[in-house]
Amino acid sequence: MLNKLVKKIFGSRNERLVKRMLKSVEQINALEPAMQALSDEELVAKTTEFRQRIAEGTSTDALLSEAFAVVREAGRRVLG
């Protein structure tokens, strides 16, 4: 009974994880138009750009949304 009450108040673990990830998904979706506007060569060049930014000290967490957006766009172009 106590377990059900706690789930109603705080949600299940899965619901909390999904809620936390929604912020990242929104950031990735916001980058979609910019990624679609890139040419194939510019999209490939993003890998080099990411490596350079990491070498300059940018954390991988800061690049995560942009990297996911690039991968998603590359997947769309390759898979249709």
N, C-alpha and C. Protein backbone atom coordinates (compact mmCIF):
# COMPACT_ATOMS: atom_id res chain seq x y z
N MET A 1 0.82 -1.19 0.00
CA MET A 1 0.00 0.00 0.00
C MET A 1 0.88 1.26 0.00
N LEU A 2 1.90 1.26 0.80
CA LEU A 2 2.81 2.40 0.84
C LEU A 2 3.52 2.59 -0.49
N ASN A 3 3.85 1.46 -1.12
CA ASN A 3 4.51 1.50 -2.43
C ASN A 3 3.63 2.19 -3.47
N LYS A 4 2.34 1.90 -3.46
CA LYS A 4 1.42 2.52 -4.42
C LYS A 4 1.31 4.02 -4.18
N LEU A 5 1.31 4.43 -2.93
CA LEU A 5 1.24 5.84 -2.58
C LEU A 5 2.48 6.59 -3.06
N VAL A 6 3.64 5.99 -2.87
CA VAL A 6 4.89 6.60 -3.29
C VAL A 6 4.92 6.73 -4.82
N LYS A 7 4.45 5.71 -5.54
CA LYS A 7 4.40 5.77 -7.01
C LYS A 7 3.46 6.86 -7.49
N LYS A 8 2.33 7.05 -6.79
CA LYS A 8 1.39 8.09 -7.21
C LYS A 8 1.99 9.48 -7.01
N ILE A 9 2.75 9.64 -5.97
CA ILE A 9 3.32 10.95 -5.67
C ILE A 9 4.53 11.24 -6.57
N PHE A 10 5.45 10.31 -6.64
CA PHE A 10 6.72 10.53 -7.34
C PHE A 10 6.77 9.91 -8.73
N GLY A 11 5.87 9.02 -9.04
CA GLY A 11 5.88 8.32 -10.31
C GLY A 11 6.81 7.11 -10.23
N SER A 12 6.69 6.24 -11.20
CA SER A 12 7.55 5.05 -11.22
C SER A 12 8.96 5.46 -11.67
N ARG A 13 9.90 4.59 -11.48
CA ARG A 13 11.27 4.88 -11.89
C ARG A 13 11.33 5.18 -13.38
N ASN A 14 10.61 4.41 -14.16
CA ASN A 14 10.58 4.60 -15.61
C ASN A 14 10.03 5.98 -15.97
N GLU A 15 8.95 6.39 -15.33
CA GLU A 15 8.36 7.70 -15.60
C GLU A 15 9.34 8.82 -15.26
N ARG A 16 10.08 8.68 -14.17
CA ARG A 16 11.06 9.70 -13.78
C ARG A 16 12.20 9.77 -14.78
N LEU A 17 12.65 8.61 -15.27
CA LEU A 17 13.73 8.60 -16.26
C LEU A 17 13.29 9.23 -17.57
N VAL A 18 12.10 8.91 -18.01
CA VAL A 18 11.59 9.47 -19.26
C VAL A 18 11.43 10.98 -19.12
N LYS A 19 10.93 11.43 -18.00
CA LYS A 19 10.74 12.86 -17.77
C LYS A 19 12.08 13.59 -17.83
N ARG A 20 13.11 12.99 -17.26
CA ARG A 20 14.44 13.60 -17.25
C ARG A 20 15.03 13.64 -18.67
N MET A 21 14.75 12.64 -19.48
CA MET A 21 15.29 12.58 -20.84
C MET A 21 14.55 13.49 -21.80
N LEU A 22 13.35 13.90 -21.48
CA LEU A 22 12.57 14.75 -22.38
C LEU A 22 13.28 16.08 -22.66
N LYS A 23 14.02 16.60 -21.69
CA LYS A 23 14.75 17.84 -21.91
C LYS A 23 15.80 17.66 -23.00
N SER A 24 16.49 16.54 -22.97
CA SER A 24 17.49 16.26 -24.00
C SER A 24 16.84 16.07 -25.36
N VAL A 25 15.73 15.40 -25.39
CA VAL A 25 15.01 15.18 -26.65
C VAL A 25 14.56 16.50 -27.25
N GLU A 26 14.09 17.41 -26.42
CA GLU A 26 13.67 18.72 -26.90
C GLU A 26 14.85 19.50 -27.49
N GLN A 27 16.01 19.41 -26.85
CA GLN A 27 17.20 20.09 -27.37
C GLN A 27 17.61 19.50 -28.72
N ILE A 28 17.57 18.18 -28.83
CA ILE A 28 17.92 17.51 -30.08
C ILE A 28 16.94 17.90 -31.18
N ASN A 29 15.67 17.91 -30.86
CA ASN A 29 14.65 18.28 -31.85
C ASN A 29 14.81 19.73 -32.30
N ALA A 30 15.25 20.60 -31.42
CA ALA A 30 15.45 22.00 -31.78
C ALA A 30 16.58 22.16 -32.80
N LEU A 31 17.53 21.24 -32.80
CA LEU A 31 18.65 21.29 -33.73
C LEU A 31 18.33 20.67 -35.10
N GLU A 32 17.19 20.03 -35.22
CA GLU A 32 16.85 19.32 -36.45
C GLU A 32 16.88 20.19 -37.70
N PRO A 33 16.28 21.38 -37.72
CA PRO A 33 16.32 22.19 -38.95
C PRO A 33 17.75 22.57 -39.36
N ALA A 34 18.59 22.86 -38.38
CA ALA A 34 19.97 23.23 -38.70
C ALA A 34 20.72 22.04 -39.30
N MET A 35 20.47 20.86 -38.79
CA MET A 35 21.16 19.66 -39.31
C MET A 35 20.65 19.30 -40.70
N GLN A 36 19.38 19.50 -40.96
CA GLN A 36 18.83 19.20 -42.27
C GLN A 36 19.38 20.15 -43.32
N ALA A 37 19.74 21.36 -42.91
CA ALA A 37 20.26 22.36 -43.85
C ALA A 37 21.70 22.08 -44.26
N LEU A 38 22.41 21.23 -43.51
CA LEU A 38 23.81 20.94 -43.81
C LEU A 38 23.92 20.02 -45.03
N SER A 39 24.97 20.24 -45.81
CA SER A 39 25.24 19.33 -46.92
C SER A 39 25.87 18.05 -46.36
N ASP A 40 25.99 17.03 -47.19
CA ASP A 40 26.60 15.78 -46.74
C ASP A 40 28.03 16.00 -46.25
N GLU A 41 28.78 16.85 -46.96
CA GLU A 41 30.17 17.12 -46.57
C GLU A 41 30.23 17.86 -45.24
N GLU A 42 29.33 18.79 -45.04
CA GLU A 42 29.29 19.53 -43.77
C GLU A 42 28.91 18.61 -42.62
N LEU A 43 28.02 17.68 -42.89
CA LEU A 43 27.62 16.73 -41.86
C LEU A 43 28.79 15.83 -41.47
N VAL A 44 29.55 15.38 -42.45
CA VAL A 44 30.74 14.56 -42.17
C VAL A 44 31.78 15.38 -41.40
N ALA A 45 31.90 16.66 -41.72
CA ALA A 45 32.88 17.53 -41.06
C ALA A 45 32.54 17.76 -39.59
N LYS A 46 31.32 17.51 -39.19
CA LYS A 46 30.93 17.66 -37.79
C LYS A 46 31.75 16.75 -36.88
N THR A 47 32.12 15.57 -37.35
CA THR A 47 32.94 14.66 -36.55
C THR A 47 34.27 15.31 -36.20
N THR A 48 34.92 15.89 -37.19
CA THR A 48 36.19 16.57 -36.96
C THR A 48 35.99 17.76 -36.01
N GLU A 49 34.90 18.47 -36.21
CA GLU A 49 34.60 19.61 -35.33
C GLU A 49 34.43 19.15 -33.89
N PHE A 50 33.71 18.05 -33.68
CA PHE A 50 33.51 17.53 -32.33
C PHE A 50 34.83 17.13 -31.69
N ARG A 51 35.68 16.46 -32.46
CA ARG A 51 36.99 16.05 -31.94
C ARG A 51 37.82 17.26 -31.54
N GLN A 52 37.77 18.29 -32.37
CA GLN A 52 38.54 19.50 -32.09
C GLN A 52 38.01 20.19 -30.83
N ARG A 53 36.71 20.27 -30.70
CA ARG A 53 36.12 20.91 -29.52
C ARG A 53 36.44 20.14 -28.24
N ILE A 54 36.46 18.81 -28.33
CA ILE A 54 36.82 18.00 -27.17
C ILE A 54 38.28 18.23 -26.80
N ALA A 55 39.14 18.32 -27.82
CA ALA A 55 40.56 18.58 -27.57
C ALA A 55 40.77 19.95 -26.92
N GLU A 56 39.88 20.89 -27.22
CA GLU A 56 39.97 22.23 -26.63
C GLU A 56 39.41 22.28 -25.22
N GLY A 57 38.82 21.19 -24.77
CA GLY A 57 38.34 21.13 -23.39
C GLY A 57 36.84 21.11 -23.20
N THR A 58 36.08 21.11 -24.27
CA THR A 58 34.63 21.03 -24.16
C THR A 58 34.26 19.64 -23.65
N SER A 59 33.36 19.59 -22.70
CA SER A 59 32.96 18.29 -22.16
C SER A 59 32.08 17.55 -23.16
N THR A 60 32.11 16.24 -23.08
CA THR A 60 31.29 15.43 -23.98
C THR A 60 29.80 15.64 -23.69
N ASP A 61 29.47 15.94 -22.44
CA ASP A 61 28.07 16.21 -22.11
C ASP A 61 27.56 17.44 -22.83
N ALA A 62 28.42 18.43 -23.03
CA ALA A 62 28.02 19.65 -23.72
C ALA A 62 27.76 19.39 -25.21
N LEU A 63 28.40 18.39 -25.75
CA LEU A 63 28.24 18.05 -27.17
C LEU A 63 27.16 17.02 -27.43
N LEU A 64 26.63 16.44 -26.39
CA LEU A 64 25.75 15.29 -26.53
C LEU A 64 24.53 15.56 -27.42
N SER A 65 23.81 16.63 -27.17
CA SER A 65 22.60 16.92 -27.96
C SER A 65 22.93 17.14 -29.42
N GLU A 66 23.98 17.90 -29.68
CA GLU A 66 24.37 18.17 -31.06
C GLU A 66 24.84 16.90 -31.77
N ALA A 67 25.58 16.06 -31.05
CA ALA A 67 26.06 14.81 -31.63
C ALA A 67 24.89 13.88 -31.97
N PHE A 68 23.91 13.80 -31.08
CA PHE A 68 22.74 12.98 -31.36
C PHE A 68 21.97 13.51 -32.56
N ALA A 69 21.87 14.83 -32.67
CA ALA A 69 21.16 15.42 -33.82
C ALA A 69 21.88 15.09 -35.12
N VAL A 70 23.21 15.12 -35.10
CA VAL A 70 23.99 14.78 -36.30
C VAL A 70 23.80 13.32 -36.66
N VAL A 71 23.85 12.45 -35.68
CA VAL A 71 23.68 11.01 -35.94
C VAL A 71 22.29 10.71 -36.47
N ARG A 72 21.30 11.38 -35.90
CA ARG A 72 19.93 11.14 -36.37
C ARG A 72 19.77 11.59 -37.82
N GLU A 73 20.32 12.74 -38.16
CA GLU A 73 20.23 13.23 -39.53
C GLU A 73 20.99 12.32 -40.49
N ALA A 74 22.15 11.85 -40.08
CA ALA A 74 22.92 10.93 -40.93
C ALA A 74 22.13 9.64 -41.15
N GLY A 75 21.51 9.15 -40.11
CA GLY A 75 20.69 7.96 -40.24
C GLY A 75 19.51 8.16 -41.19
N ARG A 76 18.89 9.31 -41.11
CA ARG A 76 17.78 9.60 -42.02
C ARG A 76 18.24 9.61 -43.46
N ARG A 77 19.41 10.20 -43.69
CA ARG A 77 19.90 10.29 -45.07
C ARG A 77 20.31 8.93 -45.61
N VAL A 78 20.89 8.11 -44.79
CA VAL A 78 21.37 6.81 -45.24
C VAL A 78 20.20 5.83 -45.37
N LEU A 79 19.33 5.82 -44.37
CA LEU A 79 18.25 4.84 -44.35
C LEU A 79 16.98 5.31 -45.05
N GLY A 80 16.90 6.60 -45.29
CA GLY A 80 15.72 7.13 -45.99
C GLY A 80 14.65 7.50 -45.06
